[in-house]
C-alpha atoms as a PDB file:
ATOM      1  CA  MET A   1     113.222  96.767  92.929  1.00  0.00           C
ATOM      2  CA  LEU A   2     109.854  98.373  93.046  1.00  0.00           C
ATOM      3  CA  VAL A   3     110.576 100.012  96.538  1.00  0.00           C
ATOM      4  CA  ARG A   4     113.649 101.903  95.323  1.00  0.00           C
ATOM      5  CA  GLU A   5     112.871 102.253  91.804  1.00  0.00           C
ATOM      6  CA  MET A   6     116.727 100.283  90.678  1.00  0.00           C
ATOM      7  CA  THR A   7     117.339  98.993  87.419  1.00  0.00           C
ATOM      8  CA  TRP A   8     118.381  95.233  87.349  1.00  0.00           C
ATOM      9  CA  ARG A   9     122.011  96.138  86.983  1.00  0.00           C
ATOM     10  CA  GLU A  10     121.798  98.245  90.000  1.00  0.00           C
ATOM     11  CA  LEU A  11     120.530  95.359  92.048  1.00  0.00           C
ATOM     12  CA  ALA A  12     123.116  93.196  90.134  1.00  0.00           C
ATOM     13  CA  GLU A  13     125.750  95.591  91.055  1.00  0.00           C
ATOM     14  CA  LYS A  14     124.373  96.333  94.637  1.00  0.00           C
ATOM     15  CA  TYR A  15     124.217  91.738  95.230  1.00  0.00           C
ATOM     16  CA  ASN A  16     127.401  91.326  93.500  1.00  0.00           C
ATOM     17  CA  VAL A  17     124.860  88.532  90.975  1.00  0.00           C
ATOM     18  CA  SER A  18     124.315  88.775  87.349  1.00  0.00           C
ATOM     19  CA  GLU A  19     121.389  90.086  86.073  1.00  0.00           C
ATOM     20  CA  THR A  20     120.016  86.919  84.979  1.00  0.00           C
ATOM     21  CA  MET A  21     120.261  85.970  88.404  1.00  0.00           C
ATOM     22  CA  ILE A  22     118.026  89.019  89.608  1.00  0.00           C
ATOM     23  CA  ALA A  23     115.615  87.801  87.137  1.00  0.00           C
ATOM     24  CA  LYS A  24     115.838  84.408  88.436  1.00  0.00           C
ATOM     25  CA  TYR A  25     115.132  85.651  91.461  1.00  0.00           C
ATOM     26  CA  ARG A  26     112.427  88.144  90.364  1.00  0.00           C
ATOM     27  CA  LYS A  27     110.490  85.046  88.663  1.00  0.00           C
ATOM     28  CA  LYS A  28     110.623  82.947  91.849  1.00  0.00           C
ATOM     29  CA  ALA A  29     109.146  85.862  94.180  1.00  0.00           C
ATOM     30  CA  MET A  30     106.536  86.332  91.452  1.00  0.00           C
ATOM     31  CA  ALA A  31     105.585  82.410  91.988  1.00  0.00           C
ATOM     32  CA  GLU A  32     105.533  82.704  95.863  1.00  0.00           C
ATOM     33  CA  MET A  33     103.352  85.906  95.411  1.00  0.00           C
ATOM     34  CA  LYS A  34     100.842  83.736  93.384  1.00  0.00           C
ATOM     35  CA  GLU A  35     100.896  80.947  95.779  1.00  0.00           C
ATOM     36  CA  LEU A  36     100.356  83.744  98.532  1.00  0.00           C
ATOM     37  CA  TYR A  37      97.559  85.424  97.062  1.00  0.00           C
ATOM     38  CA  LEU A  38      95.744  81.990  96.040  1.00  0.00           C
ATOM     39  CA  MET A  39      95.939  81.172  99.589  1.00  0.00           C
ATOM     40  CA  ARG A  40      94.318  84.288 100.269  1.00  0.00           C
ATOM     41  CA  GLU A  41      92.010  83.971  98.233  1.00  0.00           C
ATOM     42  CA  LYS A  42      90.633  80.636  99.736  1.00  0.00           C
ATOM     43  CA  THR A  43      91.046  81.499 103.084  1.00  0.00           C
ATOM     44  CA  ALA A  44      88.423  84.521 102.278  1.00  0.00           C
ATOM     45  CA  CYS A  45      85.809  82.532 100.628  1.00  0.00           C
ATOM     46  CA  CYS A  46      85.851  80.049 103.184  1.00  0.00           C
ATOM     47  CA  TYR A  47      85.241  82.741 105.851  1.00  0.00           C
ATOM     48  CA  LEU A  48      82.499  84.946 104.440  1.00  0.00           C
ATOM     49  CA  LEU A  49      80.377  81.841 102.990  1.00  0.00           C
ATOM     50  CA  ASP A  50      80.979  80.123 106.463  1.00  0.00           C
END
């Protein structure tokens, strides 16, 4: 979506899913990215404090 600058409708058509599913996938991806950044932050803090 971000790399190819596609709209939700274009993504839905490309992957044969509804726009609602695109929204769900996006929400899940955002949650996963948030977790990854939290883990990265914790690791960086531990590294810097050691």
